N, C-alpha and C. Protein backbone atom coordinates (compact mmCIF):
# COMPACT_ATOMS: atom_id res chain seq x y z
N MET A 1 1.77 22.92 -16.57
CA MET A 1 1.53 21.76 -15.73
C MET A 1 2.77 21.48 -14.89
N ARG A 2 2.53 21.16 -13.66
CA ARG A 2 3.59 20.86 -12.70
C ARG A 2 3.59 19.36 -12.40
N GLN A 3 4.77 18.79 -12.18
CA GLN A 3 4.90 17.39 -11.80
C GLN A 3 5.77 17.29 -10.54
N PHE A 4 5.55 16.23 -9.80
CA PHE A 4 6.40 15.95 -8.66
C PHE A 4 6.54 14.44 -8.52
N ALA A 5 7.63 14.01 -7.90
CA ALA A 5 7.87 12.58 -7.67
C ALA A 5 8.70 12.43 -6.40
N LYS A 6 8.41 11.37 -5.69
CA LYS A 6 9.15 11.08 -4.46
C LYS A 6 9.01 9.58 -4.17
N THR A 7 10.04 9.00 -3.60
CA THR A 7 9.96 7.61 -3.15
C THR A 7 9.85 7.60 -1.63
N LEU A 8 8.76 7.02 -1.15
CA LEU A 8 8.56 6.87 0.30
C LEU A 8 9.06 5.49 0.70
N ARG A 9 9.83 5.43 1.77
CA ARG A 9 10.35 4.17 2.27
C ARG A 9 9.69 3.85 3.61
N MET A 10 9.30 2.60 3.76
CA MET A 10 8.64 2.17 4.99
C MET A 10 9.29 0.91 5.51
N GLU A 11 9.49 0.87 6.80
CA GLU A 11 10.01 -0.32 7.47
C GLU A 11 8.82 -1.12 7.99
N THR A 12 8.73 -2.38 7.59
CA THR A 12 7.66 -3.23 8.10
C THR A 12 8.23 -4.21 9.11
N ARG A 13 7.37 -4.72 9.97
CA ARG A 13 7.78 -5.65 11.02
C ARG A 13 7.10 -6.99 10.86
N GLY A 14 6.56 -7.26 9.67
CA GLY A 14 5.82 -8.48 9.43
C GLY A 14 4.48 -8.14 8.82
N PRO A 15 3.61 -9.13 8.67
CA PRO A 15 2.34 -8.90 8.00
C PRO A 15 1.51 -7.81 8.66
N GLY A 16 0.83 -7.05 7.84
CA GLY A 16 -0.05 -6.02 8.39
C GLY A 16 -0.24 -4.87 7.43
N LEU A 17 -1.13 -3.98 7.84
CA LEU A 17 -1.41 -2.77 7.08
C LEU A 17 -0.70 -1.60 7.75
N TYR A 18 0.17 -0.95 7.02
CA TYR A 18 0.99 0.14 7.53
C TYR A 18 0.50 1.44 6.88
N GLU A 19 -0.15 2.27 7.68
CA GLU A 19 -0.70 3.51 7.13
C GLU A 19 0.40 4.53 6.88
N PHE A 20 0.35 5.16 5.70
CA PHE A 20 1.30 6.22 5.39
C PHE A 20 0.58 7.45 4.82
N THR A 21 -0.65 7.66 5.22
CA THR A 21 -1.45 8.79 4.74
C THR A 21 -0.78 10.12 5.07
N ARG A 22 -0.27 10.28 6.28
CA ARG A 22 0.35 11.55 6.68
C ARG A 22 1.53 11.92 5.78
N GLU A 23 2.39 10.94 5.51
CA GLU A 23 3.55 11.19 4.65
C GLU A 23 3.11 11.56 3.23
N LEU A 24 2.07 10.90 2.76
CA LEU A 24 1.55 11.18 1.42
C LEU A 24 0.92 12.57 1.36
N VAL A 25 0.14 12.92 2.37
CA VAL A 25 -0.47 14.25 2.44
C VAL A 25 0.61 15.33 2.44
N ALA A 26 1.67 15.13 3.21
CA ALA A 26 2.77 16.10 3.26
C ALA A 26 3.47 16.23 1.92
N THR A 27 3.65 15.11 1.22
CA THR A 27 4.29 15.12 -0.10
C THR A 27 3.47 15.93 -1.09
N VAL A 28 2.16 15.72 -1.09
CA VAL A 28 1.27 16.45 -2.01
C VAL A 28 1.25 17.94 -1.65
N ALA A 29 1.16 18.26 -0.37
CA ALA A 29 1.13 19.66 0.07
C ALA A 29 2.40 20.39 -0.35
N ALA A 30 3.55 19.73 -0.21
CA ALA A 30 4.83 20.36 -0.56
C ALA A 30 4.98 20.57 -2.06
N SER A 31 4.21 19.85 -2.86
CA SER A 31 4.35 19.93 -4.31
C SER A 31 3.81 21.23 -4.91
N GLY A 32 2.87 21.84 -4.23
CA GLY A 32 2.25 23.05 -4.76
C GLY A 32 1.15 22.79 -5.78
N VAL A 33 0.88 21.54 -6.10
CA VAL A 33 -0.20 21.21 -7.05
C VAL A 33 -1.53 21.41 -6.33
N THR A 34 -2.45 22.15 -6.96
CA THR A 34 -3.75 22.40 -6.33
C THR A 34 -4.87 21.56 -6.94
N VAL A 35 -4.72 21.17 -8.20
CA VAL A 35 -5.69 20.27 -8.82
C VAL A 35 -4.93 19.35 -9.77
N GLY A 36 -5.16 18.05 -9.62
CA GLY A 36 -4.42 17.10 -10.45
C GLY A 36 -4.65 15.68 -10.00
N LEU A 37 -3.63 14.85 -10.18
CA LEU A 37 -3.73 13.43 -9.88
C LEU A 37 -2.41 12.93 -9.31
N THR A 38 -2.51 12.11 -8.28
CA THR A 38 -1.35 11.45 -7.70
C THR A 38 -1.46 9.96 -7.97
N THR A 39 -0.37 9.38 -8.43
CA THR A 39 -0.31 7.94 -8.65
C THR A 39 0.71 7.37 -7.68
N LEU A 40 0.37 6.25 -7.06
CA LEU A 40 1.26 5.54 -6.15
C LEU A 40 1.59 4.19 -6.76
N PHE A 41 2.84 3.77 -6.62
CA PHE A 41 3.26 2.49 -7.17
C PHE A 41 4.13 1.77 -6.16
N CYS A 42 3.73 0.55 -5.78
CA CYS A 42 4.49 -0.29 -4.86
C CYS A 42 5.52 -1.08 -5.66
N ARG A 43 6.78 -0.97 -5.29
CA ARG A 43 7.87 -1.58 -6.06
C ARG A 43 8.19 -3.00 -5.60
N HIS A 44 7.17 -3.77 -5.23
CA HIS A 44 7.41 -5.10 -4.69
C HIS A 44 6.34 -6.08 -5.18
N THR A 45 6.66 -7.38 -5.15
CA THR A 45 5.71 -8.41 -5.58
C THR A 45 5.10 -9.16 -4.40
N SER A 46 5.49 -8.82 -3.19
CA SER A 46 4.92 -9.48 -2.02
C SER A 46 4.39 -8.46 -1.00
N ALA A 47 4.06 -7.27 -1.50
CA ALA A 47 3.39 -6.23 -0.72
C ALA A 47 2.48 -5.49 -1.71
N SER A 48 1.51 -4.78 -1.18
CA SER A 48 0.57 -4.09 -2.07
C SER A 48 0.05 -2.82 -1.41
N LEU A 49 -0.88 -2.16 -2.07
CA LEU A 49 -1.44 -0.90 -1.61
C LEU A 49 -2.94 -1.02 -1.44
N LEU A 50 -3.46 -0.34 -0.42
CA LEU A 50 -4.90 -0.30 -0.18
C LEU A 50 -5.32 1.08 0.28
N ILE A 51 -6.51 1.49 -0.12
CA ILE A 51 -7.21 2.60 0.53
C ILE A 51 -8.29 1.93 1.36
N GLN A 52 -8.28 2.21 2.66
CA GLN A 52 -9.19 1.51 3.55
C GLN A 52 -9.53 2.39 4.75
N GLU A 53 -10.53 1.98 5.49
CA GLU A 53 -10.94 2.71 6.69
C GLU A 53 -9.77 2.81 7.66
N ASN A 54 -9.62 4.00 8.25
CA ASN A 54 -8.52 4.19 9.20
C ASN A 54 -9.01 4.52 10.61
N ALA A 55 -10.29 4.28 10.88
CA ALA A 55 -10.83 4.58 12.21
C ALA A 55 -10.84 3.35 13.11
N ALA A 56 -11.39 2.25 12.65
CA ALA A 56 -11.53 1.05 13.48
C ALA A 56 -10.42 0.05 13.18
N PRO A 57 -9.54 -0.23 14.14
CA PRO A 57 -8.46 -1.20 13.92
C PRO A 57 -8.97 -2.60 13.56
N GLU A 58 -10.20 -2.92 13.96
CA GLU A 58 -10.76 -4.23 13.65
C GLU A 58 -10.89 -4.45 12.15
N VAL A 59 -11.08 -3.39 11.39
CA VAL A 59 -11.17 -3.50 9.93
C VAL A 59 -9.86 -4.06 9.39
N ARG A 60 -8.75 -3.51 9.83
CA ARG A 60 -7.45 -3.98 9.38
C ARG A 60 -7.21 -5.43 9.80
N ASP A 61 -7.58 -5.77 11.03
CA ASP A 61 -7.43 -7.14 11.51
C ASP A 61 -8.26 -8.11 10.67
N ASP A 62 -9.51 -7.72 10.37
CA ASP A 62 -10.39 -8.57 9.58
C ASP A 62 -9.87 -8.75 8.15
N ILE A 63 -9.30 -7.70 7.58
CA ILE A 63 -8.73 -7.81 6.23
C ILE A 63 -7.58 -8.81 6.24
N GLN A 64 -6.70 -8.69 7.22
CA GLN A 64 -5.58 -9.63 7.31
C GLN A 64 -6.07 -11.07 7.49
N SER A 65 -7.04 -11.27 8.33
CA SER A 65 -7.59 -12.61 8.57
C SER A 65 -8.22 -13.17 7.30
N PHE A 66 -8.94 -12.33 6.57
CA PHE A 66 -9.57 -12.77 5.33
C PHE A 66 -8.53 -13.25 4.32
N PHE A 67 -7.48 -12.46 4.12
CA PHE A 67 -6.44 -12.85 3.15
C PHE A 67 -5.65 -14.06 3.61
N ALA A 68 -5.50 -14.24 4.92
CA ALA A 68 -4.82 -15.44 5.42
C ALA A 68 -5.64 -16.69 5.10
N ARG A 69 -6.97 -16.58 5.15
CA ARG A 69 -7.82 -17.71 4.78
C ARG A 69 -7.86 -17.91 3.27
N LEU A 70 -7.85 -16.82 2.53
CA LEU A 70 -7.96 -16.87 1.07
C LEU A 70 -6.70 -17.46 0.42
N ALA A 71 -5.53 -17.07 0.93
CA ALA A 71 -4.25 -17.57 0.41
C ALA A 71 -3.42 -18.04 1.60
N PRO A 72 -3.72 -19.23 2.10
CA PRO A 72 -3.07 -19.71 3.32
C PRO A 72 -1.62 -20.14 3.09
N GLU A 73 -0.87 -20.12 4.17
CA GLU A 73 0.48 -20.66 4.15
C GLU A 73 0.41 -22.16 4.41
N GLY A 74 1.40 -22.90 3.95
CA GLY A 74 1.46 -24.32 4.26
C GLY A 74 2.42 -25.05 3.34
N HIS A 75 3.20 -25.91 3.92
CA HIS A 75 4.14 -26.71 3.14
C HIS A 75 3.37 -27.62 2.19
N GLY A 76 3.82 -27.66 0.94
CA GLY A 76 3.20 -28.53 -0.04
C GLY A 76 2.00 -27.94 -0.76
N LEU A 77 1.56 -26.74 -0.37
CA LEU A 77 0.41 -26.13 -1.04
C LEU A 77 0.78 -25.54 -2.40
N TYR A 78 2.03 -25.09 -2.54
CA TYR A 78 2.45 -24.38 -3.74
C TYR A 78 3.79 -24.92 -4.24
N ALA A 79 3.98 -24.87 -5.54
CA ALA A 79 5.26 -25.29 -6.12
C ALA A 79 6.37 -24.28 -5.79
N HIS A 80 6.01 -22.98 -5.77
CA HIS A 80 7.00 -21.93 -5.51
C HIS A 80 7.06 -21.65 -4.01
N ASP A 81 8.18 -22.02 -3.40
CA ASP A 81 8.39 -21.71 -1.99
C ASP A 81 9.87 -21.40 -1.73
N ASP A 82 10.50 -20.75 -2.71
CA ASP A 82 11.94 -20.47 -2.65
C ASP A 82 12.36 -19.75 -1.37
N GLU A 83 11.50 -18.87 -0.87
CA GLU A 83 11.85 -18.07 0.30
C GLU A 83 11.05 -18.47 1.53
N GLY A 84 10.47 -19.65 1.51
CA GLY A 84 9.74 -20.13 2.68
C GLY A 84 8.25 -20.26 2.43
N PRO A 85 7.53 -20.75 3.43
CA PRO A 85 6.11 -21.03 3.26
C PRO A 85 5.23 -19.79 3.09
N ASP A 86 5.74 -18.61 3.42
CA ASP A 86 4.93 -17.40 3.22
C ASP A 86 5.21 -16.74 1.87
N ASP A 87 6.10 -17.31 1.07
CA ASP A 87 6.51 -16.71 -0.21
C ASP A 87 5.36 -16.65 -1.22
N MET A 88 4.83 -17.79 -1.61
CA MET A 88 3.77 -17.80 -2.62
C MET A 88 2.47 -17.18 -2.12
N PRO A 89 2.04 -17.43 -0.86
CA PRO A 89 0.85 -16.74 -0.39
C PRO A 89 0.98 -15.21 -0.46
N ALA A 90 2.20 -14.71 -0.21
CA ALA A 90 2.43 -13.26 -0.32
C ALA A 90 2.22 -12.78 -1.75
N HIS A 91 2.71 -13.53 -2.72
CA HIS A 91 2.51 -13.16 -4.12
C HIS A 91 1.03 -13.20 -4.50
N LEU A 92 0.31 -14.21 -4.03
CA LEU A 92 -1.13 -14.31 -4.32
C LEU A 92 -1.90 -13.14 -3.71
N ARG A 93 -1.58 -12.80 -2.47
CA ARG A 93 -2.27 -11.68 -1.80
C ARG A 93 -2.00 -10.37 -2.52
N ALA A 94 -0.76 -10.18 -2.98
CA ALA A 94 -0.43 -8.97 -3.75
C ALA A 94 -1.17 -8.96 -5.08
N ALA A 95 -1.31 -10.13 -5.71
CA ALA A 95 -2.01 -10.20 -7.00
C ALA A 95 -3.49 -9.90 -6.84
N LEU A 96 -4.06 -10.19 -5.68
CA LEU A 96 -5.48 -9.97 -5.44
C LEU A 96 -5.81 -8.56 -4.98
N THR A 97 -4.79 -7.80 -4.64
CA THR A 97 -5.00 -6.41 -4.23
C THR A 97 -4.44 -5.50 -5.33
N GLN A 98 -3.72 -4.45 -4.97
CA GLN A 98 -3.24 -3.52 -5.98
C GLN A 98 -1.80 -3.13 -5.72
N THR A 99 -1.05 -2.92 -6.79
CA THR A 99 0.29 -2.38 -6.64
C THR A 99 0.35 -0.93 -7.09
N SER A 100 -0.78 -0.40 -7.57
CA SER A 100 -0.85 0.98 -8.03
C SER A 100 -2.20 1.57 -7.64
N LEU A 101 -2.17 2.83 -7.20
CA LEU A 101 -3.39 3.57 -6.85
C LEU A 101 -3.32 4.95 -7.47
N SER A 102 -4.47 5.51 -7.80
CA SER A 102 -4.57 6.90 -8.26
C SER A 102 -5.52 7.64 -7.33
N ILE A 103 -5.11 8.82 -6.90
CA ILE A 103 -5.93 9.64 -6.01
C ILE A 103 -5.97 11.06 -6.56
N PRO A 104 -7.16 11.61 -6.79
CA PRO A 104 -7.25 13.00 -7.26
C PRO A 104 -6.73 13.98 -6.21
N ILE A 105 -6.23 15.10 -6.70
CA ILE A 105 -5.84 16.23 -5.85
C ILE A 105 -6.84 17.34 -6.13
N LEU A 106 -7.49 17.82 -5.08
CA LEU A 106 -8.44 18.93 -5.19
C LEU A 106 -8.10 19.96 -4.13
N ASP A 107 -8.05 21.22 -4.52
CA ASP A 107 -7.73 22.30 -3.58
C ASP A 107 -6.42 22.04 -2.82
N GLY A 108 -5.45 21.43 -3.50
CA GLY A 108 -4.14 21.19 -2.90
C GLY A 108 -4.08 20.02 -1.94
N ARG A 109 -5.17 19.24 -1.87
CA ARG A 109 -5.23 18.12 -0.92
C ARG A 109 -5.68 16.85 -1.62
N LEU A 110 -5.28 15.71 -1.07
CA LEU A 110 -5.78 14.44 -1.58
C LEU A 110 -7.29 14.38 -1.37
N ALA A 111 -8.02 13.90 -2.36
CA ALA A 111 -9.48 13.84 -2.29
C ALA A 111 -9.95 12.55 -1.62
N LEU A 112 -9.35 12.25 -0.47
CA LEU A 112 -9.74 11.06 0.29
C LEU A 112 -11.00 11.36 1.10
N GLY A 113 -11.79 10.32 1.34
CA GLY A 113 -12.97 10.46 2.18
C GLY A 113 -12.58 10.58 3.64
N THR A 114 -13.55 10.91 4.46
CA THR A 114 -13.33 11.17 5.88
C THR A 114 -12.59 10.05 6.59
N TRP A 115 -12.97 8.81 6.34
CA TRP A 115 -12.39 7.68 7.07
C TRP A 115 -11.41 6.88 6.23
N GLN A 116 -10.97 7.43 5.12
CA GLN A 116 -10.04 6.70 4.25
C GLN A 116 -8.59 6.99 4.61
N GLY A 117 -7.81 5.92 4.68
CA GLY A 117 -6.37 6.02 4.86
C GLY A 117 -5.70 5.22 3.75
N VAL A 118 -4.42 5.54 3.50
CA VAL A 118 -3.65 4.84 2.48
C VAL A 118 -2.64 3.94 3.20
N TYR A 119 -2.63 2.68 2.77
CA TYR A 119 -1.84 1.66 3.46
C TYR A 119 -0.93 0.89 2.51
N LEU A 120 0.24 0.54 3.04
CA LEU A 120 1.06 -0.51 2.46
C LEU A 120 0.61 -1.79 3.16
N PHE A 121 0.28 -2.81 2.37
CA PHE A 121 -0.16 -4.08 2.91
C PHE A 121 1.00 -5.06 2.78
N GLU A 122 1.69 -5.29 3.90
CA GLU A 122 2.83 -6.21 3.93
C GLU A 122 2.30 -7.64 4.04
N HIS A 123 2.77 -8.51 3.13
CA HIS A 123 2.31 -9.88 3.11
C HIS A 123 3.35 -10.89 3.61
N ARG A 124 4.55 -10.45 3.92
CA ARG A 124 5.62 -11.37 4.36
C ARG A 124 5.79 -11.29 5.88
N ARG A 125 6.29 -12.36 6.46
CA ARG A 125 6.50 -12.40 7.92
C ARG A 125 7.77 -11.67 8.36
N ALA A 126 8.78 -11.67 7.53
CA ALA A 126 10.05 -11.03 7.91
C ALA A 126 9.95 -9.51 7.73
N PRO A 127 10.69 -8.76 8.52
CA PRO A 127 10.74 -7.31 8.32
C PRO A 127 11.34 -6.98 6.95
N HIS A 128 10.84 -5.91 6.35
CA HIS A 128 11.33 -5.46 5.04
C HIS A 128 11.36 -3.94 5.00
N THR A 129 12.20 -3.42 4.13
CA THR A 129 12.14 -2.01 3.76
C THR A 129 11.39 -1.97 2.44
N ARG A 130 10.25 -1.31 2.43
CA ARG A 130 9.40 -1.24 1.24
C ARG A 130 9.44 0.17 0.66
N GLU A 131 9.30 0.24 -0.66
CA GLU A 131 9.30 1.53 -1.35
C GLU A 131 8.01 1.73 -2.12
N VAL A 132 7.44 2.92 -1.98
CA VAL A 132 6.28 3.33 -2.76
C VAL A 132 6.66 4.60 -3.50
N VAL A 133 6.58 4.55 -4.82
CA VAL A 133 6.88 5.72 -5.63
C VAL A 133 5.61 6.55 -5.78
N VAL A 134 5.73 7.84 -5.51
CA VAL A 134 4.63 8.77 -5.62
C VAL A 134 4.92 9.71 -6.78
N HIS A 135 3.99 9.78 -7.71
CA HIS A 135 4.12 10.72 -8.82
C HIS A 135 2.83 11.50 -8.93
N GLY A 136 2.95 12.80 -9.09
CA GLY A 136 1.77 13.63 -9.23
C GLY A 136 1.95 14.65 -10.33
N MET A 137 0.82 15.08 -10.85
CA MET A 137 0.87 16.14 -11.85
C MET A 137 -0.44 16.92 -11.82
N GLY A 138 -0.32 18.17 -12.19
CA GLY A 138 -1.50 19.02 -12.19
C GLY A 138 -1.12 20.48 -12.26
N GLU A 139 -2.06 21.29 -11.94
CA GLU A 139 -1.90 22.75 -11.98
C GLU A 139 -1.65 23.30 -10.59
């Protein structure tokens, strides 16, 4: 059994979905694993991971709008606001999504569907450097 690991770093410019499918595909291809499993882990509490459609930009816009309504910003809404009014809503949005994903590897490639992309979902307004740890194993 072969294993591989890599930390991908992404620069965000504020809230949004940042696709990193290409970088992930390249990481898996370089590993030499032909059948196995890749696990992704977001090392943050105010960002998360999504597998989502990567064809229509409106999907990403609608997702952001939905989460803004679900966990709105606003002074006095939350007890925790140490880093500003977007602090607690960012934690709630991350709690409602995922910080870890698993994707099968088949024939040396990620087993993603035709329109699926892998995204870091940034929930904070300020720019950040985010890290996603990629670990894979297989034959």
